[in-house]
C-alpha atoms as a PDB file:
ATOM      1  CA  MET A   1     -67.566   9.363  -2.010  1.00  0.00           C
ATOM      2  CA  ILE A   2     -69.635   8.927  -5.045  1.00  0.00           C
ATOM      3  CA  ARG A   3     -68.708   4.996  -4.950  1.00  0.00           C
ATOM      4  CA  ARG A   4     -69.665   4.552  -1.307  1.00  0.00           C
ATOM      5  CA  THR A   5     -72.881   5.985  -1.612  1.00  0.00           C
ATOM      6  CA  PHE A   6     -73.757   3.973  -4.583  1.00  0.00           C
ATOM      7  CA  ILE A   7     -72.490   0.876  -2.936  1.00  0.00           C
ATOM      8  CA  ALA A   8     -74.342   1.569   0.153  1.00  0.00           C
ATOM      9  CA  LEU A   9     -77.421   2.032  -1.769  1.00  0.00           C
ATOM     10  CA  THR A  10     -77.430  -1.154  -3.680  1.00  0.00           C
ATOM     11  CA  SER A  11     -76.411  -2.926  -0.699  1.00  0.00           C
ATOM     12  CA  ALA A  12     -79.080  -1.823   1.411  1.00  0.00           C
ATOM     13  CA  ALA A  13     -81.129  -2.640  -1.171  1.00  0.00           C
ATOM     14  CA  ALA A  14     -79.289  -6.106  -1.973  1.00  0.00           C
ATOM     15  CA  PHE A  15     -79.879  -6.805   1.645  1.00  0.00           C
ATOM     16  CA  SER A  16     -83.935  -5.760   1.468  1.00  0.00           C
ATOM     17  CA  THR A  17     -83.904  -8.252  -1.435  1.00  0.00           C
ATOM     18  CA  ALA A  18     -82.198 -11.088   0.182  1.00  0.00           C
ATOM     19  CA  SER A  19     -84.594 -10.937   3.166  1.00  0.00           C
ATOM     20  CA  MET A  20     -87.287 -10.953   1.600  1.00  0.00           C
ATOM     21  CA  ALA A  21     -89.446 -13.945  -0.139  1.00  0.00           C
ATOM     22  CA  PHE A  22     -90.907 -13.478  -3.743  1.00  0.00           C
ATOM     23  CA  ALA A  23     -94.413 -12.622  -3.622  1.00  0.00           C
ATOM     24  CA  ASP A  24     -96.864 -14.704  -4.848  1.00  0.00           C
ATOM     25  CA  GLY A  25     -99.326 -13.805  -6.657  1.00  0.00           C
ATOM     26  CA  HIS A  26     -99.571 -10.405  -6.666  1.00  0.00           C
ATOM     27  CA  SER A  27     -99.412  -8.916  -3.407  1.00  0.00           C
ATOM     28  CA  LYS A  28     -96.807  -6.890  -3.289  1.00  0.00           C
ATOM     29  CA  ASP A  29     -96.623  -2.810  -5.314  1.00  0.00           C
ATOM     30  CA  ILE A  30     -94.230  -2.510  -7.309  1.00  0.00           C
ATOM     31  CA  VAL A  31     -90.775  -1.724  -5.469  1.00  0.00           C
ATOM     32  CA  ASP A  32     -91.565  -4.489  -3.406  1.00  0.00           C
ATOM     33  CA  THR A  33     -91.881  -7.033  -6.157  1.00  0.00           C
ATOM     34  CA  ALA A  34     -88.826  -5.320  -7.644  1.00  0.00           C
ATOM     35  CA  VAL A  35     -86.474  -5.734  -5.008  1.00  0.00           C
ATOM     36  CA  GLY A  36     -88.123  -8.761  -4.149  1.00  0.00           C
ATOM     37  CA  ALA A  37     -86.505 -10.269  -7.608  1.00  0.00           C
ATOM     38  CA  GLY A  38     -83.191  -9.907  -6.816  1.00  0.00           C
ATOM     39  CA  SER A  39     -82.021  -8.559 -10.359  1.00  0.00           C
ATOM     40  CA  PHE A  40     -82.810  -4.369  -9.515  1.00  0.00           C
ATOM     41  CA  THR A  41     -80.562  -3.439  -7.207  1.00  0.00           C
ATOM     42  CA  THR A  42     -79.704  -0.495  -9.558  1.00  0.00           C
ATOM     43  CA  LEU A  43     -82.884   0.000 -10.464  1.00  0.00           C
ATOM     44  CA  VAL A  44     -84.362   0.185  -6.970  1.00  0.00           C
ATOM     45  CA  ALA A  45     -81.389   2.124  -5.783  1.00  0.00           C
ATOM     46  CA  ALA A  46     -82.124   5.017  -8.521  1.00  0.00           C
ATOM     47  CA  VAL A  47     -85.405   4.676  -7.767  1.00  0.00           C
ATOM     48  CA  GLN A  48     -84.565   5.562  -4.281  1.00  0.00           C
ATOM     49  CA  ALA A  49     -82.333   8.134  -5.299  1.00  0.00           C
ATOM     50  CA  ALA A  50     -84.854  10.130  -7.271  1.00  0.00           C
ATOM     51  CA  GLY A  51     -87.350  10.089  -4.666  1.00  0.00           C
ATOM     52  CA  LEU A  52     -89.373   7.871  -6.313  1.00  0.00           C
ATOM     53  CA  VAL A  53     -90.424   5.695  -4.085  1.00  0.00           C
ATOM     54  CA  ALA A  54     -93.402   7.005  -2.909  1.00  0.00           C
ATOM     55  CA  THR A  55     -94.926   7.184  -6.245  1.00  0.00           C
ATOM     56  CA  PHE A  56     -94.439   3.691  -7.902  1.00  0.00           C
ATOM     57  CA  LYS A  57     -95.904   2.932  -4.179  1.00  0.00           C
ATOM     58  CA  GLY A  58     -98.634   4.404  -5.271  1.00  0.00           C
ATOM     59  CA  GLU A  59    -102.044   3.038  -6.597  1.00  0.00           C
ATOM     60  CA  GLY A  60    -101.198   3.042  -9.591  1.00  0.00           C
ATOM     61  CA  PRO A  61    -101.857   1.260 -12.117  1.00  0.00           C
ATOM     62  CA  PHE A  62     -98.521   1.877 -13.755  1.00  0.00           C
ATOM     63  CA  THR A  63     -96.433  -0.416 -16.403  1.00  0.00           C
ATOM     64  CA  VAL A  64     -92.694  -0.843 -15.631  1.00  0.00           C
ATOM     65  CA  PHE A  65     -90.169  -1.128 -18.431  1.00  0.00           C
ATOM     66  CA  ALA A  66     -87.543  -2.469 -15.539  1.00  0.00           C
ATOM     67  CA  PRO A  67     -84.156  -2.449 -16.352  1.00  0.00           C
ATOM     68  CA  THR A  68     -82.092  -5.309 -14.585  1.00  0.00           C
ATOM     69  CA  ASP A  69     -78.398  -5.189 -13.000  1.00  0.00           C
ATOM     70  CA  GLU A  70     -76.886  -6.118 -16.162  1.00  0.00           C
ATOM     71  CA  ALA A  71     -78.466  -3.371 -18.186  1.00  0.00           C
ATOM     72  CA  PHE A  72     -77.688  -1.020 -15.862  1.00  0.00           C
ATOM     73  CA  ALA A  73     -73.921  -2.094 -16.366  1.00  0.00           C
ATOM     74  CA  ALA A  74     -73.958  -2.219 -19.793  1.00  0.00           C
ATOM     75  CA  LEU A  75     -73.741   1.177 -19.863  1.00  0.00           C
ATOM     76  CA  PRO A  76     -70.582   3.631 -20.306  1.00  0.00           C
ATOM     77  CA  GLU A  77     -68.465   3.191 -17.196  1.00  0.00           C
ATOM     78  CA  GLY A  78     -69.200   6.186 -14.290  1.00  0.00           C
ATOM     79  CA  THR A  79     -72.904   6.967 -15.291  1.00  0.00           C
ATOM     80  CA  VAL A  80     -74.881   5.430 -12.729  1.00  0.00           C
ATOM     81  CA  ALA A  81     -72.283   6.932 -10.538  1.00  0.00           C
ATOM     82  CA  SER A  82     -73.273  10.271 -12.183  1.00  0.00           C
ATOM     83  CA  LEU A  83     -76.646  10.080 -12.048  1.00  0.00           C
ATOM     84  CA  LEU A  84     -77.031   9.066  -8.856  1.00  0.00           C
ATOM     85  CA  LEU A  85     -75.871  12.269  -7.512  1.00  0.00           C
ATOM     86  CA  PRO A  86     -77.910  14.952  -6.321  1.00  0.00           C
ATOM     87  CA  GLU A  87     -76.971  17.446  -9.071  1.00  0.00           C
ATOM     88  CA  ASN A  88     -78.211  14.821 -11.787  1.00  0.00           C
ATOM     89  CA  LYS A  89     -81.745  13.984 -10.081  1.00  0.00           C
ATOM     90  CA  ASP A  90     -83.865  16.046 -12.647  1.00  0.00           C
ATOM     91  CA  GLN A  91     -81.557  13.463 -15.077  1.00  0.00           C
ATOM     92  CA  LEU A  92     -82.387  10.775 -13.377  1.00  0.00           C
ATOM     93  CA  VAL A  93     -86.113  11.045 -12.893  1.00  0.00           C
ATOM     94  CA  ALA A  94     -86.771  12.110 -16.253  1.00  0.00           C
ATOM     95  CA  ILE A  95     -84.609   9.138 -16.902  1.00  0.00           C
ATOM     96  CA  LEU A  96     -86.605   6.429 -14.765  1.00  0.00           C
ATOM     97  CA  THR A  97     -90.145   7.757 -15.403  1.00  0.00           C
ATOM     98  CA  TYR A  98     -89.007   7.102 -19.266  1.00  0.00           C
ATOM     99  CA  HIS A  99     -89.367   3.349 -18.208  1.00  0.00           C
ATOM    100  CA  VAL A 100     -93.045   3.900 -16.690  1.00  0.00           C
ATOM    101  CA  VAL A 101     -96.070   3.234 -19.185  1.00  0.00           C
ATOM    102  CA  ALA A 102     -99.956   5.053 -16.852  1.00  0.00           C
ATOM    103  CA  GLY A 103    -102.021   1.703 -16.892  1.00  0.00           C
ATOM    104  CA  LYS A 104    -101.375  -1.501 -16.815  1.00  0.00           C
ATOM    105  CA  VAL A 105    -100.265  -2.721 -19.983  1.00  0.00           C
ATOM    106  CA  MET A 106    -100.029  -6.847 -20.602  1.00  0.00           C
ATOM    107  CA  SER A 107     -98.014  -8.409 -23.129  1.00  0.00           C
ATOM    108  CA  THR A 108    -100.943  -9.498 -24.906  1.00  0.00           C
ATOM    109  CA  ASP A 109    -102.228  -5.681 -25.056  1.00  0.00           C
ATOM    110  CA  LEU A 110     -98.952  -4.828 -27.528  1.00  0.00           C
ATOM    111  CA  SER A 111     -98.952  -4.703 -31.288  1.00  0.00           C
ATOM    112  CA  ASN A 112     -96.243  -4.255 -33.754  1.00  0.00           C
ATOM    113  CA  ASP A 113     -95.246  -0.490 -34.757  1.00  0.00           C
ATOM    114  CA  MET A 114     -96.983   0.178 -31.155  1.00  0.00           C
ATOM    115  CA  ALA A 115     -96.622   3.917 -29.380  1.00  0.00           C
ATOM    116  CA  ALA A 116     -96.382   3.767 -25.791  1.00  0.00           C
ATOM    117  CA  PRO A 117     -96.273   7.495 -24.433  1.00  0.00           C
ATOM    118  CA  THR A 118     -94.536   7.327 -20.878  1.00  0.00           C
ATOM    119  CA  VAL A 119     -94.862   9.199 -17.673  1.00  0.00           C
ATOM    120  CA  GLN A 120     -91.645  11.200 -18.777  1.00  0.00           C
ATOM    121  CA  GLY A 121     -93.559  12.351 -22.080  1.00  0.00           C
ATOM    122  CA  GLY A 122     -91.664  10.771 -24.860  1.00  0.00           C
ATOM    123  CA  ASP A 123     -93.203   7.261 -26.510  1.00  0.00           C
ATOM    124  CA  LEU A 124     -91.480   3.938 -26.535  1.00  0.00           C
ATOM    125  CA  LYS A 125     -91.731   2.226 -29.658  1.00  0.00           C
ATOM    126  CA  ILE A 126     -93.188  -1.288 -29.288  1.00  0.00           C
ATOM    127  CA  MET A 127     -92.225  -3.891 -31.330  1.00  0.00           C
ATOM    128  CA  THR A 128     -93.431  -7.741 -31.659  1.00  0.00           C
ATOM    129  CA  GLU A 129     -92.268  -9.273 -34.793  1.00  0.00           C
ATOM    130  CA  GLY A 130     -89.270 -11.714 -33.634  1.00  0.00           C
ATOM    131  CA  GLY A 131     -89.926 -11.036 -30.512  1.00  0.00           C
ATOM    132  CA  VAL A 132     -90.759  -8.243 -28.180  1.00  0.00           C
ATOM    133  CA  THR A 133     -88.768  -4.996 -28.094  1.00  0.00           C
ATOM    134  CA  VAL A 134     -88.932  -2.135 -26.735  1.00  0.00           C
ATOM    135  CA  ASN A 135     -86.735   1.081 -27.570  1.00  0.00           C
ATOM    136  CA  GLY A 136     -84.905  -1.994 -29.322  1.00  0.00           C
ATOM    137  CA  ALA A 137     -84.419  -3.356 -25.645  1.00  0.00           C
ATOM    138  CA  ASN A 138     -85.889  -7.143 -25.605  1.00  0.00           C
ATOM    139  CA  VAL A 139     -88.325  -7.871 -22.565  1.00  0.00           C
ATOM    140  CA  VAL A 140     -86.565 -10.906 -21.330  1.00  0.00           C
ATOM    141  CA  THR A 141     -89.610 -11.743 -18.325  1.00  0.00           C
ATOM    142  CA  ALA A 142     -93.367 -10.684 -19.103  1.00  0.00           C
ATOM    143  CA  ASP A 143     -96.543  -9.798 -17.431  1.00  0.00           C
ATOM    144  CA  ILE A 144     -94.672  -9.556 -13.615  1.00  0.00           C
ATOM    145  CA  GLU A 145     -98.097  -8.705 -12.046  1.00  0.00           C
ATOM    146  CA  ALA A 146     -97.859  -6.720  -8.902  1.00  0.00           C
ATOM    147  CA  SER A 147    -100.723  -5.059  -6.802  1.00  0.00           C
ATOM    148  CA  ASN A 148    -100.502  -1.821  -8.624  1.00  0.00           C
ATOM    149  CA  GLY A 149     -99.388  -2.513 -12.408  1.00  0.00           C
ATOM    150  CA  VAL A 150     -96.944  -4.582 -14.002  1.00  0.00           C
ATOM    151  CA  ILE A 151     -93.317  -5.105 -14.802  1.00  0.00           C
ATOM    152  CA  HIS A 152     -91.751  -6.507 -18.388  1.00  0.00           C
ATOM    153  CA  VAL A 153     -88.014  -7.156 -17.707  1.00  0.00           C
ATOM    154  CA  VAL A 154     -85.803  -5.238 -20.338  1.00  0.00           C
ATOM    155  CA  ASP A 155     -82.681  -6.246 -21.146  1.00  0.00           C
ATOM    156  CA  ALA A 156     -81.515  -2.272 -21.387  1.00  0.00           C
ATOM    157  CA  VAL A 157     -82.000   0.872 -19.933  1.00  0.00           C
ATOM    158  CA  LEU A 158     -83.834   3.052 -21.918  1.00  0.00           C
ATOM    159  CA  LEU A 159     -82.852   6.540 -22.548  1.00  0.00           C
ATOM    160  CA  PRO A 160     -85.360   9.965 -23.579  1.00  0.00           C
ATOM    161  CA  LYS A 161     -84.401  11.237 -26.803  1.00  0.00           C
END
């Protein structure tokens, strides 16, 4: 049942991704930009399960450090399916909001050994020497602008302490 629910959510997100063209400029919000990119189906499914779609489609601005599907796949087996269960919604919300900083923070705004306060309440540690990392995760693509903020793609899921 859990696996079917997860597959249904990710399939719906993948279908939406396939049917949408990637945005020119930044006319789409963060959610629609993530869907259009095609590499965030797990993240989009998690945002839907957490009930955060309306929030991330809101006015913002937000900065999202977005883990790729591969980043979610690297978590221990069963982690994503467990997080998508209704009884784990609070934990899922905490993890997702730990990836979000209030305001629009472009890569040029980042500095070495910077602490970035998250919407969740914790801080992300940004390092810029030898490539940009966030809590040790590599920023693989920066400055994907959306109508209500910016996305920086990271190669790992950031977990609050």
